[in-house]
Protein backbone atom coordinates (compact mmCIF):
# COMPACT_ATOMS: atom_id res chain seq x y z
CA MET A 1 106.11 70.13 79.05
CA ALA A 2 106.16 74.24 78.55
CA LEU A 3 102.14 74.89 78.69
CA LYS A 4 100.16 73.39 81.64
CA THR A 5 96.06 72.89 81.36
CA ALA A 6 93.82 74.19 84.25
CA GLN A 7 93.31 70.62 85.09
CA GLU A 8 97.12 70.03 85.40
CA TYR A 9 97.74 73.06 87.39
CA ILE A 10 94.78 71.94 89.81
CA ASP A 11 96.43 68.42 89.83
CA SER A 12 99.96 69.69 90.47
CA LEU A 13 98.89 71.49 93.93
CA ARG A 14 97.78 67.89 95.39
CA THR A 15 101.42 66.87 94.90
CA LEU A 16 102.41 69.83 97.36
CA LYS A 17 102.75 69.16 101.00
CA SER A 18 101.69 72.92 101.97
CA ASP A 19 101.57 73.68 105.68
CA VAL A 20 98.18 75.44 105.24
CA TRP A 21 96.27 77.03 108.08
CA LEU A 22 92.50 78.48 108.10
CA PHE A 23 90.57 79.09 111.26
CA GLY A 24 93.13 77.83 113.57
CA GLU A 25 93.02 74.36 111.92
CA LYS A 26 95.73 72.60 109.56
CA ILE A 27 94.16 72.05 106.06
CA ASP A 28 95.29 68.87 104.56
CA ASN A 29 93.55 68.62 101.62
CA PHE A 30 93.64 72.65 100.51
CA VAL A 31 93.06 71.83 96.97
CA ASP A 32 89.30 71.08 97.38
CA HIS A 33 88.47 73.29 100.43
CA PRO A 34 85.13 75.32 99.62
CA ILE A 35 86.73 78.50 100.91
CA ILE A 36 89.96 78.05 99.23
CA ARG A 37 88.95 76.20 96.11
CA PRO A 38 87.43 79.60 94.07
CA SER A 39 91.28 81.18 93.95
CA ILE A 40 92.32 77.86 93.05
CA ASN A 41 90.21 78.19 90.18
CA ALA A 42 91.14 81.62 89.06
CA ILE A 43 95.00 81.11 88.65
CA ALA A 44 93.90 77.76 86.73
CA MET A 45 91.98 80.31 83.71
CA THR A 46 95.61 81.77 83.49
CA TYR A 47 96.67 78.07 82.01
CA LYS A 48 93.32 77.57 80.26
CA ILE A 49 93.88 80.70 78.24
CA ALA A 50 97.22 79.70 77.02
CA HIS A 51 95.20 76.96 75.50
CA GLU A 52 92.93 78.96 73.85
CA PRO A 53 93.30 79.66 69.92
CA GLU A 54 92.02 83.26 70.00
CA TRP A 55 93.98 84.45 72.83
CA GLN A 56 97.60 82.83 72.09
CA ASP A 57 98.95 85.98 71.06
CA LEU A 58 98.17 87.37 74.48
CA ALA A 59 98.80 84.37 76.86
CA THR A 60 101.66 83.00 75.41
CA THR A 61 105.22 84.04 74.08
CA THR A 62 108.63 82.20 72.95
CA SER A 63 111.13 82.13 76.12
CA ASN A 64 114.60 84.27 75.03
CA LEU A 65 115.93 81.63 77.34
CA THR A 66 115.13 78.33 75.98
CA GLY A 67 113.22 79.06 72.78
CA GLU A 68 110.12 77.11 73.76
CA LYS A 69 106.54 78.38 73.85
CA ILE A 70 105.54 79.22 77.19
CA ASN A 71 102.99 81.00 79.18
CA ARG A 72 103.49 84.93 79.49
CA PHE A 73 102.83 84.58 83.08
CA SER A 74 106.59 82.77 83.45
CA ALA A 75 108.08 85.32 80.84
CA LEU A 76 110.30 88.36 80.57
CA PHE A 77 109.52 91.09 78.97
CA MET A 78 111.84 91.73 75.78
CA SER A 79 109.86 94.61 74.52
CA CYS A 80 107.38 97.49 75.09
CA ASP A 81 104.85 95.32 73.02
CA ASP A 82 105.31 92.57 75.59
CA MET A 83 104.29 94.72 78.13
CA VAL A 84 101.24 95.89 76.24
CA LYS A 85 100.57 92.44 75.62
CA LYS A 86 100.72 91.64 79.48
CA VAL A 87 97.98 94.72 80.28
CA LYS A 88 95.57 93.60 77.70
CA MET A 89 95.81 89.81 78.70
CA GLN A 90 95.16 90.97 82.39
CA ARG A 91 92.30 92.94 81.58
CA MET A 92 90.79 89.81 79.51
CA LEU A 93 91.84 87.91 82.83
CA GLY A 94 89.95 90.26 84.80
CA GLN A 95 86.63 90.18 82.84
CA ARG A 96 86.69 86.34 82.82
CA THR A 97 87.38 85.80 86.64
CA GLY A 98 85.80 89.21 88.12
CA CYS A 99 88.21 88.71 90.75
CA CYS A 100 92.26 88.78 91.36
CA PHE A 101 93.83 85.84 89.07
CA GLN A 102 97.28 86.18 91.50
CA ARG A 103 99.72 85.07 89.06
CA CYS A 104 100.87 88.92 88.51
CA VAL A 105 102.86 89.32 91.23
CA GLY A 106 105.18 86.29 90.51
CA MET A 107 105.36 87.50 86.95
CA ASP A 108 106.38 90.77 87.69
CA ALA A 109 109.22 89.86 90.63
CA ILE A 110 110.89 87.72 87.95
CA ASN A 111 111.32 90.62 85.78
CA ALA A 112 112.49 92.61 88.45
CA VAL A 113 115.32 90.56 89.89
CA TYR A 114 116.13 89.68 86.36
CA SER A 115 117.38 92.86 85.79
CA THR A 116 118.94 93.65 89.20
CA THR A 117 120.80 90.29 89.13
CA PHE A 118 122.57 90.94 86.23
CA GLU A 119 123.79 94.65 87.86
CA ILE A 120 124.85 92.96 90.90
CA ASP A 121 126.72 90.51 88.72
CA GLU A 122 128.26 93.53 86.76
CA LYS A 123 129.22 95.52 90.12
CA HIS A 124 130.40 92.68 92.49
CA GLY A 125 131.81 89.80 90.06
CA THR A 126 128.88 87.44 91.62
CA LYS A 127 127.01 84.88 89.49
CA TYR A 128 123.29 85.68 90.77
CA HIS A 129 122.41 86.23 87.22
CA GLU A 130 123.11 82.81 86.19
CA ARG A 131 121.76 81.19 88.80
CA PHE A 132 118.41 83.05 88.28
CA LYS A 133 118.06 82.27 84.72
CA GLU A 134 118.34 78.63 85.46
CA TRP A 135 115.58 78.61 88.06
CA LEU A 136 113.49 80.57 85.59
CA LYS A 137 114.04 78.03 82.66
CA TYR A 138 113.09 75.48 85.44
CA ILE A 139 109.59 77.45 86.02
CA GLN A 140 109.14 77.96 82.40
CA GLN A 141 110.05 74.60 81.49
CA ASN A 142 107.69 73.01 83.86
CA ASP A 143 104.96 76.19 84.11
CA LEU A 144 105.38 76.47 87.52
CA CYS A 145 103.46 79.27 89.20
CA VAL A 146 105.36 81.83 91.21
CA GLN A 147 104.39 83.86 94.28
CA GLY A 148 106.37 87.55 94.74
CA ALA A 149 106.90 87.70 97.97
CA MET A 150 107.86 91.35 99.03
CA THR A 151 105.67 92.53 102.04
CA ASP A 152 107.19 92.02 105.39
CA VAL A 153 105.32 92.42 108.55
CA LYS A 154 107.52 95.52 109.40
CA GLY A 155 107.04 95.73 113.11
CA ASP A 156 108.04 99.31 113.99
CA ARG A 157 107.86 101.05 110.93
CA GLY A 158 109.99 103.90 112.44
CA VAL A 159 113.14 101.55 112.75
CA ARG A 160 115.60 100.01 110.36
CA PRO A 161 115.02 96.22 110.13
CA HIS A 162 118.42 95.51 111.93
CA LEU A 163 117.57 97.84 114.70
CA GLN A 164 113.69 95.89 115.44
CA GLU A 165 113.18 95.08 118.66
CA ASP A 166 112.34 91.75 117.31
CA PRO A 167 114.99 91.06 114.18
CA ASP A 168 112.20 88.83 112.42
CA MET A 169 109.89 91.78 111.71
CA PHE A 170 111.48 91.81 108.22
CA VAL A 171 112.83 88.61 106.45
CA HIS A 172 116.75 88.11 107.25
CA VAL A 173 119.21 85.57 106.75
CA VAL A 174 119.87 84.03 110.35
CA GLU A 175 122.79 81.37 108.78
CA LYS A 176 125.50 81.02 106.23
CA ARG A 177 126.44 77.56 105.49
CA ASP A 178 128.82 75.77 102.73
CA ASP A 179 125.75 74.32 101.00
CA GLY A 180 123.19 77.69 101.35
CA ILE A 181 121.60 79.76 104.03
CA VAL A 182 118.62 79.65 106.32
CA ILE A 183 116.09 82.60 106.27
CA ARG A 184 113.35 83.57 109.05
CA GLY A 185 110.75 86.33 109.11
CA ALA A 186 107.34 86.45 107.45
CA LYS A 187 105.60 88.17 104.28
CA ALA A 188 102.34 89.56 105.07
CA HIS A 189 99.22 89.72 102.59
CA GLN A 190 101.05 87.38 100.21
CA THR A 191 98.92 86.81 96.64
CA GLY A 192 98.23 83.07 95.83
CA SER A 193 100.84 82.04 98.02
CA VAL A 194 98.93 78.68 98.89
CA ASN A 195 98.29 78.25 95.46
CA SER A 196 101.49 78.65 94.07
CA HIS A 197 104.46 76.17 93.16
CA GLU A 198 107.56 78.45 94.19
CA MET A 199 107.92 81.42 95.96
CA LEU A 200 110.49 84.38 94.91
CA ILE A 201 111.69 86.19 98.34
CA MET A 202 112.61 89.92 97.89
CA PRO A 203 113.40 92.88 100.11
CA THR A 204 110.51 95.06 101.28
CA LEU A 205 112.11 98.46 101.08
CA THR A 206 115.53 100.20 100.48
CA MET A 207 118.22 98.66 103.06
CA ARG A 208 121.06 100.46 104.57
CA GLU A 209 124.28 99.93 105.96
CA GLY A 210 123.73 97.71 108.97
CA ASP A 211 121.13 95.76 107.10
CA GLU A 212 122.88 93.29 105.35
CA ASP A 213 121.21 90.41 106.33
CA TYR A 214 117.97 91.72 105.31
CA ALA A 215 118.89 92.29 102.17
CA VAL A 216 118.01 88.90 100.75
CA CYS A 217 116.52 87.83 97.40
CA CYS A 218 116.10 83.81 96.95
CA ALA A 219 113.37 81.21 95.71
CA LEU A 220 112.10 78.38 97.56
CA PRO A 221 109.13 75.24 96.93
CA SER A 222 106.24 76.71 98.63
CA ASP A 223 106.18 73.40 100.35
CA SER A 224 109.60 73.48 101.91
CA PRO A 225 110.31 72.44 105.37
CA GLY A 226 109.49 75.62 107.96
CA VAL A 227 107.07 77.45 105.20
CA HIS A 228 103.77 77.79 106.86
CA PHE A 229 100.56 79.47 105.15
CA ILE A 230 97.91 80.96 107.55
CA TYR A 231 95.04 81.47 105.18
CA GLY A 232 93.52 85.08 105.33
CA ARG A 233 90.07 86.14 106.33
CA GLN A 234 87.34 87.10 103.45
CA SER A 235 84.53 89.35 103.96
CA CYS A 236 81.49 86.21 104.22
CA ASP A 237 83.83 84.01 103.69
CA LYS A 238 81.68 81.52 105.53
CA ARG A 239 79.20 81.75 103.24
CA LYS A 240 81.18 79.32 100.87
CA LEU A 241 80.43 76.71 103.20
CA GLU A 242 76.96 76.73 102.73
CA GLU A 243 74.67 75.08 100.54
CA GLY A 244 73.78 76.54 97.25
CA ASP A 245 75.87 79.29 95.06
CA ILE A 246 73.76 82.36 94.99
CA ASP A 247 74.45 84.17 98.32
CA VAL A 248 78.19 83.79 97.46
CA GLY A 249 77.98 86.06 94.41
CA ASN A 250 81.20 84.96 92.40
CA PHE A 251 80.58 81.53 92.98
CA LEU A 252 83.78 79.96 90.87
CA PHE A 253 86.50 82.46 91.32
CA GLY A 254 87.95 84.47 94.22
CA GLY A 255 91.20 86.07 95.37
CA GLN A 256 93.58 84.60 98.08
CA GLU A 257 96.21 86.20 100.68
CA ALA A 258 97.98 84.48 103.45
CA LEU A 259 100.85 85.50 106.09
CA THR A 260 103.59 83.39 105.01
CA VAL A 261 105.62 82.56 107.61
CA LEU A 262 109.30 81.43 107.23
CA ASP A 263 110.75 79.54 110.17
CA ASP A 264 114.37 78.69 109.61
CA VAL A 265 113.96 77.76 105.88
CA PHE A 266 116.92 76.56 104.18
CA VAL A 267 117.71 77.87 100.61
CA PRO A 268 120.83 76.38 98.72
CA TRP A 269 123.04 78.68 97.16
CA ASP A 270 122.03 78.10 93.77
CA ARG A 271 118.45 79.65 94.49
CA VAL A 272 120.00 82.84 96.03
CA PHE A 273 119.98 85.70 93.70
CA MET A 274 121.17 88.48 96.44
CA CYS A 275 122.86 88.37 99.73
CA GLY A 276 123.88 91.21 101.38
CA GLU A 277 124.01 93.73 98.54
CA VAL A 278 122.25 96.44 100.15
CA GLU A 279 122.66 99.17 97.71
CA PHE A 280 120.88 97.00 95.00
CA SER A 281 117.74 96.65 96.99
CA ASN A 282 116.46 100.01 96.13
CA PRO A 283 116.35 98.94 92.46
CA VAL A 284 114.68 95.36 93.06
CA VAL A 285 111.84 97.24 95.05
CA GLU A 286 111.26 99.97 92.60
CA ARG A 287 111.58 97.81 89.58
CA PHE A 288 108.96 95.26 91.07
CA ALA A 289 106.71 98.11 92.11
CA GLY A 290 106.78 99.76 89.00
CA ASN A 291 105.96 96.30 87.22
CA HIS A 292 103.11 95.85 89.41
CA ARG A 293 101.69 99.10 89.54
CA GLN A 294 101.44 98.97 85.76
CA SER A 295 99.67 95.68 86.05
CA TYR A 296 97.02 97.13 87.74
CA GLY A 297 95.77 99.16 84.50
CA GLY A 298 95.01 95.56 83.46
CA CYS A 299 93.24 93.64 86.04
CA LYS A 300 91.20 96.67 87.52
CA PRO A 301 89.96 97.51 84.18
CA GLY A 302 88.69 94.12 83.56
CA ILE A 303 87.26 93.72 87.13
CA GLY A 304 85.62 97.13 86.73
CA ASP A 305 84.08 95.90 83.28
CA VAL A 306 82.44 93.09 85.34
CA LEU A 307 81.10 95.14 87.73
CA ILE A 308 79.50 97.81 85.02
CA GLY A 309 77.98 94.77 83.21
CA ALA A 310 76.76 93.63 86.39
CA THR A 311 75.43 97.54 87.27
CA VAL A 312 74.12 97.86 84.05
CA ALA A 313 72.02 94.84 84.12
CA MET A 314 70.38 95.89 87.41
CA THR A 315 69.41 98.91 85.84
CA GLU A 316 67.71 97.08 83.02
CA TYR A 317 66.13 95.00 85.59
CA ASN A 318 64.67 97.79 87.59
CA GLY A 319 63.31 99.55 84.63
CA VAL A 320 65.30 102.63 84.55
CA ALA A 321 68.22 102.05 82.27
CA LYS A 322 67.18 104.79 80.14
CA ALA A 323 66.93 107.65 82.78
CA SER A 324 69.51 110.37 82.04
CA HIS A 325 70.79 110.22 85.48
CA VAL A 326 71.25 106.53 85.14
CA ARG A 327 73.17 107.07 81.36
CA ASP A 328 75.02 109.64 82.67
CA LYS A 329 76.81 107.51 85.70
CA VAL A 330 77.19 104.35 83.90
CA ALA A 331 79.42 106.66 81.59
CA GLU A 332 81.17 107.96 84.35
CA MET A 333 81.96 104.24 85.33
CA ASN A 334 83.04 103.63 81.70
CA HIS A 335 85.21 106.57 81.76
CA LEU A 336 87.19 105.55 85.11
CA VAL A 337 87.54 102.30 83.60
CA GLU A 338 89.51 103.10 80.41
CA THR A 339 91.30 105.80 82.20
CA LEU A 340 92.97 103.23 84.32
CA HIS A 341 93.44 101.23 81.36
CA ALA A 342 95.18 104.08 79.36
CA CYS A 343 97.73 104.68 82.39
CA GLY A 344 98.39 101.45 82.38
CA LEU A 345 99.33 101.05 78.55
CA ALA A 346 100.95 104.47 78.80
CA ALA A 347 103.38 102.75 80.98
CA CYS A 348 104.32 99.76 78.57
CA THR A 349 104.57 102.16 75.74
CA GLN A 350 106.94 104.80 77.51
CA GLY A 351 109.22 101.44 78.85
CA GLU A 352 112.83 101.35 78.48
CA LYS A 353 115.26 98.43 77.92
CA THR A 354 117.44 97.40 80.82
CA LYS A 355 121.37 96.54 80.74
CA ALA A 356 119.91 92.89 81.46
CA GLY A 357 117.85 93.13 77.86
CA ASN A 358 114.46 93.01 79.27
CA TYR A 359 111.89 95.93 79.64
CA GLN A 360 110.91 97.81 82.43
CA PRO A 361 107.88 100.19 82.31
CA ASP A 362 107.94 104.02 82.72
CA ILE A 363 108.24 104.24 86.41
CA LEU A 364 106.35 107.89 86.28
CA MET A 365 103.58 106.24 84.44
CA ALA A 366 103.25 103.01 86.30
CA ASN A 367 102.66 104.90 89.72
CA VAL A 368 100.28 107.31 88.16
CA CYS A 369 98.51 104.50 87.19
CA LYS A 370 98.57 103.01 90.36
CA MET A 371 97.90 106.15 92.29
CA ASN A 372 94.10 106.20 90.13
CA VAL A 373 93.90 102.70 91.15
CA THR A 374 93.82 104.17 94.71
CA ARG A 375 90.63 106.37 94.00
CA TYR A 376 88.74 105.48 90.87
CA PRO A 377 87.48 101.40 92.09
CA TYR A 378 85.79 103.23 95.20
CA GLU A 379 83.75 105.69 92.86
CA LEU A 380 83.22 102.70 90.83
CA CYS A 381 81.64 100.67 94.00
CA ARG A 382 79.86 103.94 94.84
CA LEU A 383 78.17 104.29 91.59
CA SER A 384 77.51 100.64 91.74
CA GLU A 385 75.79 100.69 95.02
CA ASP A 386 73.88 103.79 93.73
CA LEU A 387 72.51 102.38 90.87
CA ALA A 388 71.69 98.63 92.29
CA GLY A 389 69.40 100.15 94.74
CA GLY A 390 68.90 99.08 98.61
CA ALA A 391 68.52 95.31 97.99
CA LEU A 392 72.05 95.11 97.57
CA VAL A 393 72.69 94.79 100.98
CA THR A 394 68.96 93.29 102.46
CA ILE A 395 68.28 90.53 99.83
CA PRO A 396 66.98 87.49 101.74
CA SER A 397 69.16 84.19 101.33
CA GLU A 398 69.32 81.61 98.77
CA ALA A 399 67.56 79.36 101.47
CA ASP A 400 64.61 81.62 101.79
CA LEU A 401 64.21 81.57 97.90
CA ARG A 402 64.64 77.65 97.89
CA SER A 403 62.06 77.20 101.16
CA PRO A 404 58.94 75.55 100.53
CA GLU A 405 56.90 77.55 102.60
CA ILE A 406 58.48 81.49 102.01
CA GLY A 407 60.18 81.01 98.57
CA LYS A 408 57.10 81.77 96.50
CA TYR A 409 57.01 85.43 98.52
CA VAL A 410 60.47 86.01 97.67
CA SER A 411 60.03 84.85 93.81
CA LYS A 412 57.04 87.20 93.87
CA TYR A 413 58.62 90.19 95.49
CA PHE A 414 61.65 90.07 93.96
CA LYS A 415 60.47 89.76 90.63
CA ALA A 416 61.67 92.87 88.45
CA LYS A 417 61.14 93.79 84.95
CA ASP A 418 61.19 90.97 82.48
CA VAL A 419 63.23 88.44 84.97
CA GLY A 420 62.31 86.37 87.56
CA ALA A 421 63.66 86.48 91.26
CA GLU A 422 66.71 84.22 90.97
CA GLU A 423 68.40 86.03 88.29
CA ARG A 424 67.83 89.68 90.25
CA LEU A 425 68.99 87.79 93.41
CA ARG A 426 72.03 86.28 91.86
CA MET A 427 73.03 89.77 89.97
CA LEU A 428 72.80 91.80 93.14
CA ALA A 429 75.19 89.33 94.83
CA LEU A 430 77.76 89.21 92.41
CA ILE A 431 77.37 93.17 92.95
CA ASN A 432 77.71 92.75 96.63
CA SER A 433 80.36 90.28 96.68
CA MET A 434 82.62 92.53 94.56
CA THR A 435 81.98 95.82 96.63
CA PHE A 436 81.74 94.30 99.68
CA GLY A 437 84.88 91.74 99.58
CA LEU A 438 83.76 88.27 99.12
CA THR A 439 85.61 87.71 96.20
CA ALA A 440 88.68 88.62 98.35
CA PRO A 441 90.52 90.66 98.52
CA SER A 442 87.76 93.03 98.15
CA TYR A 443 88.14 95.46 94.75
CA ARG A 444 87.94 98.55 96.58
CA THR A 445 90.30 97.47 99.69
CA GLU A 446 92.96 95.73 97.25
CA SER A 447 92.84 98.51 95.20
CA MET A 448 93.96 100.65 97.79
CA HIS A 449 96.63 98.68 99.65
CA GLY A 450 98.28 96.39 96.67
CA ALA A 451 101.34 97.29 95.12
CA GLY A 452 101.87 99.68 97.71
CA SER A 453 99.76 102.12 99.77
CA PRO A 454 98.98 105.58 97.89
CA GLN A 455 101.87 107.47 99.87
CA ALA A 456 104.25 104.91 98.17
CA MET A 457 103.08 106.11 94.82
CA LYS A 458 103.46 109.95 95.87
CA VAL A 459 106.61 109.54 96.86
CA MET A 460 107.84 107.58 93.36
CA ILE A 461 105.83 110.40 91.68
CA GLU A 462 107.84 113.32 93.18
CA ARG A 463 111.07 111.67 92.67
CA GLN A 464 109.91 110.64 88.98
CA SER A 465 108.57 114.58 88.11
CA ASN A 466 111.48 116.33 87.13
CA LEU A 467 110.12 119.37 89.23
CA ASP A 468 113.55 121.23 88.38
CA GLU A 469 112.88 121.23 84.15
CA LYS A 470 109.64 121.96 84.84
CA LYS A 471 110.35 125.31 87.11
CA LYS A 472 112.82 125.95 84.07
CA ALA A 473 110.20 126.08 81.65
CA ALA A 474 108.09 128.32 84.18
CA ARG A 475 110.98 131.24 84.64
CA LYS A 476 111.69 130.82 80.60
CA LEU A 477 108.05 131.52 79.63
CA ALA A 478 107.35 134.23 82.71
CA GLY A 479 110.64 136.01 81.32
CA ILE A 480 112.79 135.48 84.23
CA ASP A 481 115.05 133.37 82.51
CA GLU A 482 116.37 134.14 78.99
CA ARG A 483 113.17 133.41 76.72
CA GLU A 484 113.39 130.94 73.68
CA ASN A 485 114.97 133.05 70.53
CA LEU A 486 112.81 131.84 67.50
CA ALA A 487 114.98 132.96 64.90
CA ASP A 488 117.69 130.24 65.80
């Protein structure tokens, strides 16, 4: 079965024996937990669109490994056009869910590891690439959700991994056996980890001599013995435990982050794709970062579209939609969203083929895209909060609206132009959840730190900007170096 339905995906999670913790308690049935379920629904949408006729070209593709029709989230990018379709699909999903749909990390990790293992084998004569292809076939044929696990907890960030006071601050190999390896450590801020069938572990930074035990890349089932998930807090998350759905805002969908603890987890050799090759830690990190920073040119504009729509609706409810300053601010919001999307698409169209045969986005443009994402959603949120009005953070609860005693006052004083109080409260709650973080992770905060903080982008932009060529161009035009001879 190459394509699961949304319901089949949800049902498949019930077969996992994952060790999930929330508020200090073990959660036996995480699938139906009201705080976790919205994030599962968001991933389920990635399965749903694969069966919708109008989205077949974006949501599905043909596997270059099996020749079968597969979900694009488990596919390799075999052309620049594949990457363009990925970004367009992500924007559409952002519009459909209004939140992080979590499956992009695994897709981007798959493509980074695929090309890197090919080059490790080329240099060292290892068999990582064939192992990885066999694992990827298994993922594609069973339409599994993969979490890409890169970010380590890092401990003292001024000290190399192997020099940490506590060696577990970076995931590392603690034992090599005839049948596999044992790893220990933790991955922080793991997007969709509880909702995924498999984890693809990668190093988090460039490893050097002495860090060999930390240069590890491998795959393991999410419910492997020794894997513990500690679910991340979300702003106002306990609202999901209350009756009603208005106060939650985006009631159906949400994101998810967790601390993923790897407590002496065994990984068989056929699932190990890097083990000690420190010189290849940098390529896999840069390629994953490039792929994932490009992805933000899809999902963040899509979520931004929803925020713009909600904001415009509020200006109409309040009777100010035609005011010139309102139209100017809405135009600015659209400009910001389209600029983000344009950068994501540019990174795709300027991509290059790797030695392994799959395509990598333009690293410079991908980092420019993500640098903009660390800024523009903040402005989008500011403009939305400006136009929505102060009621955004002072509205009564749904319980007040439903109250037999005081509900009449809420209904009377929160109605607006052509709409009743409930519709206005729902739209305000949606904006509140998107800008203040209830849909988790917060649109603005995740835009800042997801796929790396701004400084990481600046380092890559500086590295990729080819300043020497720019100086040469300036020196020629200034007459310091020999000018261009138009007669040649």
